Amino acid sequence: MGQFVYVLEDRTTHLLKIGISVDPDFRRHQIDRAFGTDAALLGVLEVDNARRTERFIHGMLAPHRVVGEWFEVPDAQKGYLLAYFTDTAPQRRRPATAPQLVGAQHHPVAAKHAEQGGPILPDAVMPLTAAQKLIWLYIDRYPGEHSVHSLYAALGVTADRAFAALLASGALVQEQEPMGARVGRYRTVR
């Protein structure tokens, strides 16, 4: 059974909660009851190691932390973040009430950002999987030497095929080819 990193938004305060769960919709109900919120499930991302992925996203959003896993994220950055949450979670407990998950192409903040400043992600990255987008974001933020193992350690996602897909899409450039145990050198293309 997979784990998911999810993004919830409190409809009253517009704070985002980034967390992990095997059933994000059920977790949304728990949070509504525990915190007295009216939260919407904005997106999910299925990954191999949800704890590491959650930690990475929390680190990126650290300047916007309000308390615990709750963040006050500016609209432009919220749209950028949601571009990575396009996977849908399998329906577990209540198939009839599964939420409509929102990705970059459907989220009003992302659409507004796209109108004002161009696409949130390069066009070449948009059709890729959520895990590949997460790897692209990580390399965009930390260009340089990376390997399948270092990305798994940092993000908790399997990157073996992601490099090939990102290179083929033109969204990633290999500056130095990996040789033996050495890592390759990569940078993103916008």
N, C-alpha and C. Protein backbone atom coordinates (compact mmCIF):
# COMPACT_ATOMS: atom_id res chain seq x y z
N MET A 1 0.85 -1.17 0.00
CA MET A 1 0.00 0.00 0.00
C MET A 1 0.90 1.24 0.00
N GLY A 2 0.67 2.15 -0.96
CA GLY A 2 1.48 3.34 -1.09
C GLY A 2 1.13 4.42 -0.09
N GLN A 3 2.06 5.31 0.08
CA GLN A 3 1.80 6.49 0.89
C GLN A 3 1.77 7.70 -0.02
N PHE A 4 1.07 8.71 0.42
CA PHE A 4 0.89 9.91 -0.37
C PHE A 4 1.31 11.13 0.43
N VAL A 5 1.88 12.09 -0.26
CA VAL A 5 2.04 13.43 0.29
C VAL A 5 0.83 14.19 -0.23
N TYR A 6 0.14 14.91 0.65
CA TYR A 6 -1.07 15.62 0.24
C TYR A 6 -0.96 17.10 0.57
N VAL A 7 -1.78 17.88 -0.10
CA VAL A 7 -1.90 19.32 0.17
C VAL A 7 -3.37 19.58 0.48
N LEU A 8 -3.60 20.09 1.68
CA LEU A 8 -4.94 20.53 2.08
C LEU A 8 -4.93 22.05 2.19
N GLU A 9 -6.08 22.67 1.94
CA GLU A 9 -6.21 24.11 2.16
C GLU A 9 -7.42 24.36 3.04
N ASP A 10 -7.20 25.08 4.14
CA ASP A 10 -8.31 25.49 4.98
C ASP A 10 -9.04 26.60 4.22
N ARG A 11 -10.32 26.38 3.93
CA ARG A 11 -11.09 27.34 3.11
C ARG A 11 -11.32 28.67 3.82
N THR A 12 -11.19 28.69 5.13
CA THR A 12 -11.38 29.94 5.88
C THR A 12 -10.11 30.76 5.94
N THR A 13 -9.01 30.15 6.35
CA THR A 13 -7.75 30.88 6.53
C THR A 13 -6.86 30.83 5.29
N HIS A 14 -7.14 29.91 4.39
CA HIS A 14 -6.34 29.67 3.19
C HIS A 14 -4.93 29.18 3.50
N LEU A 15 -4.74 28.66 4.72
CA LEU A 15 -3.47 28.04 5.07
C LEU A 15 -3.41 26.67 4.40
N LEU A 16 -2.20 26.27 3.99
CA LEU A 16 -1.99 24.96 3.41
C LEU A 16 -1.40 24.03 4.44
N LYS A 17 -1.83 22.78 4.41
CA LYS A 17 -1.22 21.74 5.25
C LYS A 17 -0.61 20.72 4.31
N ILE A 18 0.67 20.46 4.51
CA ILE A 18 1.38 19.45 3.74
C ILE A 18 1.62 18.28 4.68
N GLY A 19 1.11 17.11 4.34
CA GLY A 19 1.27 15.95 5.22
C GLY A 19 1.34 14.66 4.42
N ILE A 20 1.36 13.55 5.14
CA ILE A 20 1.40 12.24 4.50
C ILE A 20 0.28 11.37 5.05
N SER A 21 -0.18 10.45 4.21
CA SER A 21 -1.26 9.55 4.60
C SER A 21 -1.38 8.44 3.57
N VAL A 22 -1.93 7.30 4.00
CA VAL A 22 -2.25 6.25 3.03
C VAL A 22 -3.63 6.50 2.44
N ASP A 23 -4.42 7.38 3.06
CA ASP A 23 -5.76 7.72 2.58
C ASP A 23 -5.99 9.22 2.80
N PRO A 24 -5.55 10.06 1.86
CA PRO A 24 -5.63 11.52 2.05
C PRO A 24 -7.04 12.04 2.29
N ASP A 25 -8.05 11.47 1.64
CA ASP A 25 -9.41 11.97 1.86
C ASP A 25 -9.88 11.68 3.28
N PHE A 26 -9.59 10.49 3.78
CA PHE A 26 -9.94 10.16 5.16
C PHE A 26 -9.19 11.07 6.13
N ARG A 27 -7.92 11.34 5.82
CA ARG A 27 -7.11 12.24 6.66
C ARG A 27 -7.71 13.64 6.68
N ARG A 28 -8.24 14.10 5.54
CA ARG A 28 -8.89 15.41 5.48
C ARG A 28 -10.06 15.46 6.45
N HIS A 29 -10.84 14.40 6.49
CA HIS A 29 -11.98 14.35 7.42
C HIS A 29 -11.48 14.39 8.88
N GLN A 30 -10.41 13.65 9.17
CA GLN A 30 -9.84 13.66 10.52
C GLN A 30 -9.40 15.07 10.92
N ILE A 31 -8.73 15.74 10.02
CA ILE A 31 -8.22 17.10 10.30
C ILE A 31 -9.38 18.07 10.50
N ASP A 32 -10.40 17.96 9.67
CA ASP A 32 -11.59 18.82 9.85
C ASP A 32 -12.18 18.65 11.25
N ARG A 33 -12.28 17.40 11.70
CA ARG A 33 -12.85 17.15 13.03
C ARG A 33 -11.90 17.63 14.14
N ALA A 34 -10.60 17.32 13.99
CA ALA A 34 -9.64 17.64 15.05
C ALA A 34 -9.37 19.14 15.20
N PHE A 35 -9.30 19.86 14.07
CA PHE A 35 -8.95 21.28 14.11
C PHE A 35 -10.14 22.20 13.89
N GLY A 36 -11.31 21.63 13.58
CA GLY A 36 -12.48 22.46 13.32
C GLY A 36 -12.33 23.26 12.03
N THR A 37 -11.66 22.68 11.05
CA THR A 37 -11.45 23.38 9.79
C THR A 37 -12.45 22.92 8.75
N ASP A 38 -12.48 23.63 7.65
CA ASP A 38 -13.22 23.22 6.46
C ASP A 38 -12.16 23.12 5.37
N ALA A 39 -11.49 21.98 5.29
CA ALA A 39 -10.35 21.83 4.40
C ALA A 39 -10.75 21.20 3.08
N ALA A 40 -10.06 21.61 2.03
CA ALA A 40 -10.22 21.03 0.70
C ALA A 40 -8.93 20.29 0.35
N LEU A 41 -9.07 19.10 -0.20
CA LEU A 41 -7.91 18.34 -0.65
C LEU A 41 -7.56 18.86 -2.04
N LEU A 42 -6.41 19.57 -2.14
CA LEU A 42 -6.02 20.17 -3.41
C LEU A 42 -5.23 19.23 -4.30
N GLY A 43 -4.50 18.29 -3.71
CA GLY A 43 -3.73 17.37 -4.53
C GLY A 43 -2.98 16.35 -3.71
N VAL A 44 -2.58 15.30 -4.39
CA VAL A 44 -1.80 14.23 -3.77
C VAL A 44 -0.65 13.86 -4.69
N LEU A 45 0.35 13.25 -4.10
CA LEU A 45 1.52 12.79 -4.85
C LEU A 45 1.94 11.46 -4.26
N GLU A 46 1.84 10.38 -5.04
CA GLU A 46 2.26 9.06 -4.56
C GLU A 46 3.76 8.93 -4.79
N VAL A 47 4.49 8.61 -3.72
CA VAL A 47 5.95 8.49 -3.80
C VAL A 47 6.39 7.25 -3.04
N ASP A 48 7.65 6.87 -3.25
CA ASP A 48 8.20 5.69 -2.59
C ASP A 48 8.46 5.94 -1.11
N ASN A 49 8.90 7.14 -0.77
CA ASN A 49 9.21 7.47 0.62
C ASN A 49 8.57 8.82 0.94
N ALA A 50 7.33 8.77 1.40
CA ALA A 50 6.56 9.98 1.63
C ALA A 50 7.20 10.88 2.68
N ARG A 51 7.82 10.31 3.69
CA ARG A 51 8.44 11.11 4.76
C ARG A 51 9.52 12.02 4.19
N ARG A 52 10.37 11.47 3.31
CA ARG A 52 11.45 12.29 2.72
C ARG A 52 10.90 13.37 1.82
N THR A 53 9.89 13.02 1.02
CA THR A 53 9.29 14.01 0.12
C THR A 53 8.63 15.12 0.92
N GLU A 54 7.91 14.74 1.96
CA GLU A 54 7.27 15.74 2.82
C GLU A 54 8.32 16.66 3.45
N ARG A 55 9.40 16.08 3.93
CA ARG A 55 10.48 16.87 4.55
C ARG A 55 11.07 17.87 3.55
N PHE A 56 11.26 17.44 2.29
CA PHE A 56 11.79 18.32 1.25
C PHE A 56 10.83 19.49 1.02
N ILE A 57 9.55 19.21 0.88
CA ILE A 57 8.57 20.27 0.62
C ILE A 57 8.46 21.20 1.83
N HIS A 58 8.46 20.65 3.04
CA HIS A 58 8.45 21.49 4.24
C HIS A 58 9.66 22.42 4.25
N GLY A 59 10.83 21.90 3.86
CA GLY A 59 12.03 22.72 3.81
C GLY A 59 11.90 23.86 2.81
N MET A 60 11.31 23.57 1.65
CA MET A 60 11.10 24.62 0.64
C MET A 60 10.16 25.70 1.15
N LEU A 61 9.18 25.29 1.93
CA LEU A 61 8.16 26.24 2.41
C LEU A 61 8.46 26.80 3.79
N ALA A 62 9.61 26.48 4.37
CA ALA A 62 9.94 26.88 5.74
C ALA A 62 9.71 28.37 6.02
N PRO A 63 10.05 29.28 5.11
CA PRO A 63 9.81 30.70 5.41
C PRO A 63 8.32 31.05 5.57
N HIS A 64 7.46 30.16 5.11
CA HIS A 64 6.02 30.44 5.16
C HIS A 64 5.30 29.64 6.25
N ARG A 65 6.06 28.92 7.09
CA ARG A 65 5.46 28.09 8.13
C ARG A 65 4.75 28.96 9.16
N VAL A 66 3.52 28.58 9.48
CA VAL A 66 2.76 29.26 10.53
C VAL A 66 2.89 28.45 11.82
N VAL A 67 2.58 27.17 11.74
CA VAL A 67 2.72 26.26 12.87
C VAL A 67 2.70 24.83 12.34
N GLY A 68 3.58 23.99 12.86
CA GLY A 68 3.60 22.58 12.48
C GLY A 68 3.69 22.38 10.97
N GLU A 69 2.68 21.73 10.41
CA GLU A 69 2.64 21.44 8.98
C GLU A 69 1.75 22.42 8.22
N TRP A 70 1.42 23.55 8.83
CA TRP A 70 0.54 24.55 8.22
C TRP A 70 1.38 25.73 7.73
N PHE A 71 1.11 26.16 6.48
CA PHE A 71 1.91 27.18 5.82
C PHE A 71 1.01 28.24 5.20
N GLU A 72 1.46 29.49 5.27
CA GLU A 72 0.78 30.59 4.57
C GLU A 72 1.61 30.88 3.32
N VAL A 73 1.16 30.33 2.22
CA VAL A 73 1.93 30.36 0.98
C VAL A 73 1.33 31.41 0.03
N PRO A 74 2.15 32.32 -0.51
CA PRO A 74 1.64 33.30 -1.47
C PRO A 74 1.02 32.60 -2.68
N ASP A 75 0.04 33.24 -3.30
CA ASP A 75 -0.71 32.63 -4.40
C ASP A 75 0.19 32.12 -5.52
N ALA A 76 1.18 32.90 -5.94
CA ALA A 76 2.05 32.48 -7.04
C ALA A 76 2.80 31.20 -6.67
N GLN A 77 3.31 31.14 -5.46
CA GLN A 77 4.05 29.95 -5.03
C GLN A 77 3.11 28.77 -4.82
N LYS A 78 1.87 29.05 -4.41
CA LYS A 78 0.89 27.98 -4.22
C LYS A 78 0.60 27.31 -5.56
N GLY A 79 0.43 28.09 -6.60
CA GLY A 79 0.19 27.54 -7.93
C GLY A 79 1.37 26.73 -8.41
N TYR A 80 2.57 27.22 -8.14
CA TYR A 80 3.79 26.52 -8.53
C TYR A 80 3.88 25.18 -7.81
N LEU A 81 3.59 25.18 -6.50
CA LEU A 81 3.62 23.95 -5.72
C LEU A 81 2.60 22.95 -6.24
N LEU A 82 1.39 23.39 -6.51
CA LEU A 82 0.32 22.48 -6.92
C LEU A 82 0.56 21.87 -8.29
N ALA A 83 1.46 22.47 -9.07
CA ALA A 83 1.77 21.89 -10.37
C ALA A 83 2.36 20.49 -10.24
N TYR A 84 2.92 20.17 -9.09
CA TYR A 84 3.54 18.87 -8.87
C TYR A 84 2.56 17.84 -8.34
N PHE A 85 1.41 18.26 -7.92
CA PHE A 85 0.44 17.36 -7.31
C PHE A 85 -0.67 17.05 -8.31
N THR A 86 -0.34 16.25 -9.31
CA THR A 86 -1.32 15.93 -10.35
C THR A 86 -1.75 14.48 -10.31
N ASP A 87 -1.10 13.65 -9.51
CA ASP A 87 -1.50 12.24 -9.42
C ASP A 87 -2.77 12.13 -8.60
N THR A 88 -3.56 11.11 -8.87
CA THR A 88 -4.77 10.88 -8.09
C THR A 88 -4.56 9.68 -7.18
N ALA A 89 -5.09 9.77 -6.01
CA ALA A 89 -4.97 8.67 -5.04
C ALA A 89 -6.01 7.62 -5.34
N PRO A 90 -5.67 6.35 -5.15
CA PRO A 90 -6.70 5.32 -5.31
C PRO A 90 -7.81 5.55 -4.30
N GLN A 91 -9.00 5.26 -4.72
CA GLN A 91 -10.13 5.44 -3.81
C GLN A 91 -10.10 4.31 -2.79
N ARG A 92 -10.17 4.66 -1.52
CA ARG A 92 -10.02 3.65 -0.47
C ARG A 92 -11.33 3.42 0.29
N ARG A 93 -11.74 4.39 1.08
CA ARG A 93 -12.88 4.15 1.98
C ARG A 93 -14.21 4.57 1.38
N ARG A 94 -14.23 5.74 0.75
CA ARG A 94 -15.49 6.28 0.28
C ARG A 94 -15.39 6.66 -1.19
N PRO A 95 -15.50 5.71 -2.11
CA PRO A 95 -15.36 6.04 -3.52
C PRO A 95 -16.32 7.13 -3.99
N ALA A 96 -17.52 7.16 -3.44
CA ALA A 96 -18.50 8.15 -3.90
C ALA A 96 -18.12 9.57 -3.51
N THR A 97 -17.29 9.75 -2.49
CA THR A 97 -16.96 11.11 -2.05
C THR A 97 -15.53 11.49 -2.36
N ALA A 98 -14.86 10.74 -3.23
CA ALA A 98 -13.48 11.09 -3.57
C ALA A 98 -13.46 12.49 -4.16
N PRO A 99 -12.55 13.36 -3.70
CA PRO A 99 -12.53 14.74 -4.16
C PRO A 99 -11.99 14.85 -5.57
N GLN A 100 -12.35 15.94 -6.23
CA GLN A 100 -11.75 16.27 -7.51
C GLN A 100 -10.39 16.88 -7.20
N LEU A 101 -9.32 16.18 -7.57
CA LEU A 101 -7.98 16.68 -7.27
C LEU A 101 -7.61 17.74 -8.28
N VAL A 102 -6.87 18.72 -7.80
CA VAL A 102 -6.57 19.89 -8.61
C VAL A 102 -5.10 19.90 -8.97
N GLY A 103 -4.81 19.97 -10.23
CA GLY A 103 -3.43 20.11 -10.70
C GLY A 103 -3.24 21.52 -11.23
N ALA A 104 -2.07 21.78 -11.77
CA ALA A 104 -1.75 23.13 -12.24
C ALA A 104 -2.72 23.60 -13.31
N GLN A 105 -3.16 22.69 -14.19
CA GLN A 105 -4.01 23.12 -15.28
C GLN A 105 -5.43 23.45 -14.82
N HIS A 106 -5.83 23.03 -13.61
CA HIS A 106 -7.18 23.29 -13.12
C HIS A 106 -7.23 24.28 -11.97
N HIS A 107 -6.16 24.51 -11.30
CA HIS A 107 -6.17 25.34 -10.10
C HIS A 107 -6.27 26.81 -10.47
N PRO A 108 -7.24 27.57 -9.90
CA PRO A 108 -7.41 28.96 -10.28
C PRO A 108 -6.18 29.82 -10.02
N VAL A 109 -5.45 29.54 -8.96
CA VAL A 109 -4.23 30.31 -8.68
C VAL A 109 -3.19 30.04 -9.75
N ALA A 110 -3.06 28.77 -10.14
CA ALA A 110 -2.09 28.42 -11.18
C ALA A 110 -2.49 29.06 -12.50
N ALA A 111 -3.79 29.06 -12.82
CA ALA A 111 -4.24 29.68 -14.06
C ALA A 111 -3.95 31.17 -14.05
N LYS A 112 -4.21 31.83 -12.93
CA LYS A 112 -3.94 33.27 -12.80
C LYS A 112 -2.44 33.53 -12.97
N HIS A 113 -1.60 32.70 -12.33
CA HIS A 113 -0.16 32.86 -12.43
C HIS A 113 0.29 32.66 -13.87
N ALA A 114 -0.29 31.70 -14.55
CA ALA A 114 0.08 31.43 -15.93
C ALA A 114 -0.28 32.61 -16.82
N GLU A 115 -1.45 33.25 -16.55
CA GLU A 115 -1.85 34.43 -17.33
C GLU A 115 -0.89 35.59 -17.11
N GLN A 116 -0.44 35.75 -15.88
CA GLN A 116 0.39 36.90 -15.54
C GLN A 116 1.85 36.71 -15.91
N GLY A 117 2.39 35.52 -15.73
CA GLY A 117 3.82 35.37 -15.91
C GLY A 117 4.25 34.18 -16.72
N GLY A 118 3.38 33.64 -17.55
CA GLY A 118 3.77 32.49 -18.33
C GLY A 118 3.50 31.21 -17.56
N PRO A 119 3.92 30.09 -18.12
CA PRO A 119 3.63 28.80 -17.48
C PRO A 119 4.37 28.64 -16.16
N ILE A 120 3.76 27.90 -15.26
CA ILE A 120 4.37 27.62 -13.97
C ILE A 120 5.58 26.72 -14.16
N LEU A 121 5.47 25.76 -15.04
CA LEU A 121 6.56 24.86 -15.40
C LEU A 121 6.78 24.99 -16.90
N PRO A 122 7.99 24.67 -17.36
CA PRO A 122 8.20 24.68 -18.81
C PRO A 122 7.23 23.70 -19.47
N ASP A 123 6.83 24.01 -20.69
CA ASP A 123 5.89 23.15 -21.41
C ASP A 123 6.39 21.71 -21.49
N ALA A 124 7.70 21.53 -21.63
CA ALA A 124 8.27 20.19 -21.76
C ALA A 124 8.05 19.36 -20.50
N VAL A 125 7.88 20.01 -19.34
CA VAL A 125 7.74 19.30 -18.07
C VAL A 125 6.28 18.96 -17.77
N MET A 126 5.35 19.74 -18.28
CA MET A 126 3.94 19.58 -17.93
C MET A 126 3.38 18.18 -18.17
N PRO A 127 3.69 17.48 -19.27
CA PRO A 127 3.09 16.15 -19.45
C PRO A 127 3.76 15.03 -18.65
N LEU A 128 4.83 15.33 -17.96
CA LEU A 128 5.56 14.30 -17.22
C LEU A 128 4.81 13.92 -15.96
N THR A 129 5.22 12.83 -15.33
CA THR A 129 4.57 12.38 -14.10
C THR A 129 4.89 13.33 -12.95
N ALA A 130 4.12 13.22 -11.90
CA ALA A 130 4.34 14.08 -10.74
C ALA A 130 5.72 13.84 -10.13
N ALA A 131 6.15 12.58 -10.08
CA ALA A 131 7.48 12.28 -9.52
C ALA A 131 8.57 12.91 -10.38
N GLN A 132 8.42 12.86 -11.70
CA GLN A 132 9.41 13.48 -12.58
C GLN A 132 9.43 14.99 -12.41
N LYS A 133 8.26 15.59 -12.20
CA LYS A 133 8.19 17.04 -11.95
C LYS A 133 8.89 17.38 -10.64
N LEU A 134 8.72 16.54 -9.64
CA LEU A 134 9.37 16.77 -8.35
C LEU A 134 10.89 16.71 -8.50
N ILE A 135 11.38 15.76 -9.28
CA ILE A 135 12.82 15.66 -9.53
C ILE A 135 13.30 16.89 -10.29
N TRP A 136 12.53 17.34 -11.28
CA TRP A 136 12.89 18.54 -12.03
C TRP A 136 13.00 19.74 -11.08
N LEU A 137 12.02 19.88 -10.18
CA LEU A 137 12.03 20.99 -9.23
C LEU A 137 13.27 20.92 -8.34
N TYR A 138 13.61 19.73 -7.88
CA TYR A 138 14.76 19.57 -7.00
C TYR A 138 16.06 19.95 -7.73
N ILE A 139 16.21 19.48 -8.97
CA ILE A 139 17.42 19.80 -9.74
C ILE A 139 17.42 21.28 -10.12
N ASP A 140 16.25 21.85 -10.36
CA ASP A 140 16.17 23.28 -10.66
C ASP A 140 16.64 24.09 -9.45
N ARG A 141 16.24 23.66 -8.28
CA ARG A 141 16.63 24.36 -7.05
C ARG A 141 18.09 24.09 -6.67
N TYR A 142 18.56 22.87 -6.92
CA TYR A 142 19.92 22.46 -6.57
C TYR A 142 20.63 21.88 -7.79
N PRO A 143 21.00 22.73 -8.76
CA PRO A 143 21.69 22.19 -9.93
C PRO A 143 23.06 21.64 -9.54
N GLY A 144 23.56 20.72 -10.34
CA GLY A 144 24.88 20.17 -10.06
C GLY A 144 24.87 18.66 -10.12
N GLU A 145 25.62 18.04 -9.22
CA GLU A 145 25.80 16.60 -9.25
C GLU A 145 24.65 15.87 -8.56
N HIS A 146 24.11 14.89 -9.28
CA HIS A 146 22.99 14.10 -8.77
C HIS A 146 23.12 12.68 -9.27
N SER A 147 22.54 11.76 -8.54
CA SER A 147 22.46 10.37 -8.96
C SER A 147 21.09 9.85 -8.57
N VAL A 148 20.76 8.68 -9.09
CA VAL A 148 19.50 8.04 -8.73
C VAL A 148 19.44 7.88 -7.21
N HIS A 149 20.55 7.49 -6.59
CA HIS A 149 20.58 7.26 -5.14
C HIS A 149 20.44 8.56 -4.35
N SER A 150 21.10 9.63 -4.81
CA SER A 150 21.01 10.89 -4.06
C SER A 150 19.61 11.47 -4.15
N LEU A 151 18.95 11.31 -5.30
CA LEU A 151 17.58 11.82 -5.42
C LEU A 151 16.61 11.01 -4.58
N TYR A 152 16.82 9.70 -4.51
CA TYR A 152 15.96 8.88 -3.65
C TYR A 152 16.15 9.28 -2.19
N ALA A 153 17.41 9.52 -1.80
CA ALA A 153 17.68 9.92 -0.42
C ALA A 153 17.06 11.28 -0.10
N ALA A 154 17.07 12.19 -1.04
CA ALA A 154 16.55 13.54 -0.80
C ALA A 154 15.03 13.62 -0.91
N LEU A 155 14.46 12.89 -1.87
CA LEU A 155 13.05 13.07 -2.19
C LEU A 155 12.16 11.88 -1.88
N GLY A 156 12.75 10.70 -1.83
CA GLY A 156 11.94 9.51 -1.61
C GLY A 156 11.24 9.03 -2.87
N VAL A 157 11.70 9.45 -4.04
CA VAL A 157 11.11 8.98 -5.29
C VAL A 157 12.16 8.21 -6.09
N THR A 158 11.70 7.23 -6.83
CA THR A 158 12.60 6.45 -7.66
C THR A 158 12.89 7.24 -8.92
N ALA A 159 14.17 7.43 -9.22
CA ALA A 159 14.56 8.33 -10.31
C ALA A 159 15.18 7.61 -11.49
N ASP A 160 15.20 6.28 -11.47
CA ASP A 160 15.93 5.56 -12.52
C ASP A 160 15.45 5.90 -13.93
N ARG A 161 14.15 5.95 -14.16
CA ARG A 161 13.63 6.28 -15.48
C ARG A 161 13.36 7.77 -15.64
N ALA A 162 13.34 8.50 -14.53
CA ALA A 162 13.04 9.92 -14.60
C ALA A 162 14.10 10.70 -15.36
N PHE A 163 15.37 10.35 -15.16
CA PHE A 163 16.44 11.04 -15.87
C PHE A 163 16.23 10.92 -17.38
N ALA A 164 15.96 9.72 -17.86
CA ALA A 164 15.77 9.50 -19.29
C ALA A 164 14.59 10.31 -19.82
N ALA A 165 13.47 10.31 -19.08
CA ALA A 165 12.29 11.06 -19.51
C ALA A 165 12.55 12.56 -19.49
N LEU A 166 13.22 13.06 -18.46
CA LEU A 166 13.52 14.48 -18.38
C LEU A 166 14.50 14.91 -19.46
N LEU A 167 15.51 14.09 -19.74
CA LEU A 167 16.47 14.41 -20.81
C LEU A 167 15.77 14.37 -22.17
N ALA A 168 14.93 13.37 -22.39
CA ALA A 168 14.22 13.25 -23.67
C ALA A 168 13.25 14.41 -23.88
N SER A 169 12.68 14.93 -22.81
CA SER A 169 11.73 16.04 -22.93
C SER A 169 12.42 17.37 -23.21
N GLY A 170 13.74 17.43 -22.97
CA GLY A 170 14.48 18.67 -23.15
C GLY A 170 14.44 19.58 -21.94
N ALA A 171 13.80 19.12 -20.86
CA ALA A 171 13.68 19.93 -19.65
C ALA A 171 14.90 19.81 -18.75
N LEU A 172 15.77 18.84 -19.04
CA LEU A 172 16.96 18.60 -18.24
C LEU A 172 18.14 18.41 -19.18
N VAL A 173 19.27 19.01 -18.82
CA VAL A 173 20.49 18.89 -19.61
C VAL A 173 21.54 18.18 -18.77
N GLN A 174 22.19 17.21 -19.38
CA GLN A 174 23.26 16.49 -18.71
C GLN A 174 24.58 17.17 -19.08
N GLU A 175 25.21 17.83 -18.11
CA GLU A 175 26.46 18.53 -18.36
C GLU A 175 27.67 17.61 -18.25
N GLN A 176 27.55 16.58 -17.43
CA GLN A 176 28.64 15.61 -17.27
C GLN A 176 28.00 14.25 -17.08
N GLU A 177 28.38 13.31 -17.93
CA GLU A 177 27.81 11.97 -17.87
C GLU A 177 28.35 11.21 -16.67
N PRO A 178 27.49 10.46 -15.98
CA PRO A 178 27.98 9.65 -14.86
C PRO A 178 28.90 8.55 -15.37
N MET A 179 29.96 8.31 -14.61
CA MET A 179 30.91 7.25 -14.97
C MET A 179 31.13 6.37 -13.76
N GLY A 180 30.77 5.10 -13.88
CA GLY A 180 30.93 4.18 -12.77
C GLY A 180 30.09 4.62 -11.59
N ALA A 181 30.72 4.74 -10.43
CA ALA A 181 30.01 5.13 -9.20
C ALA A 181 29.83 6.64 -9.10
N ARG A 182 30.47 7.41 -10.01
CA ARG A 182 30.35 8.86 -9.95
C ARG A 182 28.96 9.32 -10.36
N VAL A 183 28.57 10.43 -9.84
CA VAL A 183 27.28 11.01 -10.18
C VAL A 183 27.42 11.88 -11.42
N GLY A 184 26.32 12.12 -12.09
CA GLY A 184 26.32 13.01 -13.25
C GLY A 184 26.05 14.44 -12.81
N ARG A 185 26.29 15.36 -13.72
CA ARG A 185 26.05 16.77 -13.46
C ARG A 185 24.88 17.21 -14.34
N TYR A 186 23.84 17.81 -13.72
CA TYR A 186 22.62 18.14 -14.44
C TYR A 186 22.17 19.57 -14.10
N ARG A 187 21.42 20.14 -15.05
CA ARG A 187 20.75 21.42 -14.81
C ARG A 187 19.45 21.42 -15.58
N THR A 188 18.52 22.22 -15.13
CA THR A 188 17.21 22.29 -15.78
C THR A 188 17.23 23.33 -16.89
N VAL A 189 16.28 23.19 -17.79
CA VAL A 189 16.07 24.16 -18.87
C VAL A 189 14.67 24.71 -18.69
N ARG A 190 14.55 26.00 -18.72
CA ARG A 190 13.22 26.64 -18.59
C ARG A 190 12.68 27.02 -19.92
